[in-house]
Protein backbone atom coordinates (compact mmCIF):
# COMPACT_ATOMS: atom_id res chain seq x y z
CA MET A 1 49.51 124.68 105.88
CA PRO A 2 50.46 122.11 103.00
CA ARG A 3 53.40 120.30 102.75
CA ARG A 4 56.16 120.90 100.61
CA ARG A 5 55.49 117.71 99.40
CA ASP A 6 51.95 117.84 98.55
CA GLN A 7 53.00 121.24 96.69
CA ALA A 8 55.39 119.80 94.47
CA ARG A 9 52.90 117.25 93.35
CA SER A 10 50.06 119.64 92.71
CA ALA A 11 52.86 121.75 91.17
CA VAL A 12 53.88 118.81 88.43
CA ARG A 13 50.79 117.60 88.08
CA SER A 14 49.62 121.29 86.91
CA TYR A 15 52.57 120.79 84.73
CA LYS A 16 51.31 117.87 83.33
CA LYS A 17 47.52 119.09 82.55
CA GLN A 18 49.25 122.41 80.54
CA ALA A 19 51.19 120.53 78.36
CA ALA A 20 48.83 117.47 77.70
CA GLU A 21 46.46 120.23 76.77
CA LYS A 22 48.95 121.61 74.81
CA SER A 23 49.86 119.26 72.56
CA GLY A 24 45.85 117.97 71.93
CA MET A 25 46.07 114.42 73.51
CA HIS A 26 42.51 115.44 75.18
CA HIS A 27 41.61 115.34 71.63
CA VAL A 28 42.87 111.82 70.86
CA ARG A 29 41.80 110.54 74.17
CA ALA A 30 38.41 111.89 73.49
CA TRP A 31 38.65 110.27 69.87
CA TRP A 32 39.90 107.39 71.09
CA ASN A 33 37.18 106.52 73.09
CA ARG A 34 34.69 107.08 70.97
CA LEU A 35 35.90 104.08 69.40
CA PRO A 36 34.16 100.73 69.62
CA GLU A 37 34.86 98.47 72.79
CA PRO A 38 36.15 95.48 69.92
CA VAL A 39 37.85 98.03 68.16
CA ARG A 40 39.73 99.21 71.34
CA ARG A 41 40.76 95.97 72.77
CA PHE A 42 41.78 94.29 69.68
CA GLY A 43 43.63 97.22 67.64
CA PRO A 44 46.60 97.72 69.03
CA ALA A 45 47.31 93.81 68.92
CA ILE A 46 46.05 93.70 64.88
CA LEU A 47 48.11 96.25 64.58
CA VAL A 48 51.01 94.80 66.19
CA LEU A 49 50.88 91.29 64.29
CA ILE A 50 50.31 93.10 61.29
CA VAL A 51 53.64 95.17 61.60
CA ALA A 52 55.41 91.62 62.43
CA VAL A 53 53.75 90.37 59.48
CA LEU A 54 55.27 93.27 57.04
CA TYR A 55 58.41 93.79 58.48
CA PRO A 56 60.28 91.34 57.01
CA TYR A 57 59.47 92.48 53.94
CA TYR A 58 60.18 95.81 54.09
CA LEU A 59 63.66 94.70 55.47
CA SER A 60 63.74 92.66 51.75
CA SER A 61 63.66 95.71 50.07
CA LEU A 62 65.92 98.23 51.54
CA PRO A 63 69.19 98.72 49.72
CA THR A 64 72.18 95.67 51.09
CA GLY A 65 75.15 97.94 50.20
CA ASN A 66 76.88 95.07 47.82
CA THR A 67 78.05 95.60 44.27
CA ARG A 68 78.63 94.26 41.33
CA ASP A 69 82.39 93.09 41.18
CA PRO A 70 83.81 93.08 37.84
CA SER A 71 87.02 91.22 37.60
CA THR A 72 84.84 88.09 39.47
CA GLY A 73 81.41 88.38 37.11
CA SER A 74 78.45 87.61 38.80
CA ASN A 75 79.23 87.33 42.50
CA ASP A 76 78.49 90.23 44.50
CA ARG A 77 80.95 92.11 47.15
CA ILE A 78 79.99 93.75 50.24
CA SER A 79 81.13 97.54 49.58
CA GLY A 80 81.15 98.07 53.67
CA ARG A 81 80.44 101.24 53.32
CA PRO A 82 77.17 103.27 53.87
CA TRP A 83 74.31 103.59 51.00
CA GLY A 84 74.64 105.31 48.26
CA SER A 85 78.61 106.11 48.74
CA ARG A 86 80.52 105.53 46.08
CA ILE A 87 83.75 103.48 46.13
CA VAL A 88 86.35 102.30 43.84
CA VAL A 89 86.87 98.86 42.47
CA THR A 90 89.98 97.81 41.09
CA THR A 91 89.91 95.64 37.61
CA PRO A 92 92.61 94.30 35.49
CA ALA A 93 91.36 96.72 32.92
CA GLY A 94 91.84 99.49 35.23
CA LEU A 95 89.47 101.99 37.75
CA CYS A 96 85.80 102.30 37.43
CA THR A 97 83.95 103.41 39.90
CA ALA A 98 80.74 101.95 41.47
CA ARG A 99 77.86 102.52 43.22
């Protein structure tokens, strides 16, 4: 008679197998195994290296949240608000809205 622990382990194994089959991961694994050995070995490392090199360029292209402060001319002022939110900038000429 199987022990209770063994029954639980086989049930978990069965659930994992069913989840993998339903998700289609066996197709991904088969595709990965068809790749040449050097691609499987070095591909993930090269991908990480490419992301590490390009990530700073991606970050620098994002909006910073800085707005032009008309009262001081060309100096930037940090709005401290989420991107796209509108703030009110007070100037000697009155109030104006800025993005």
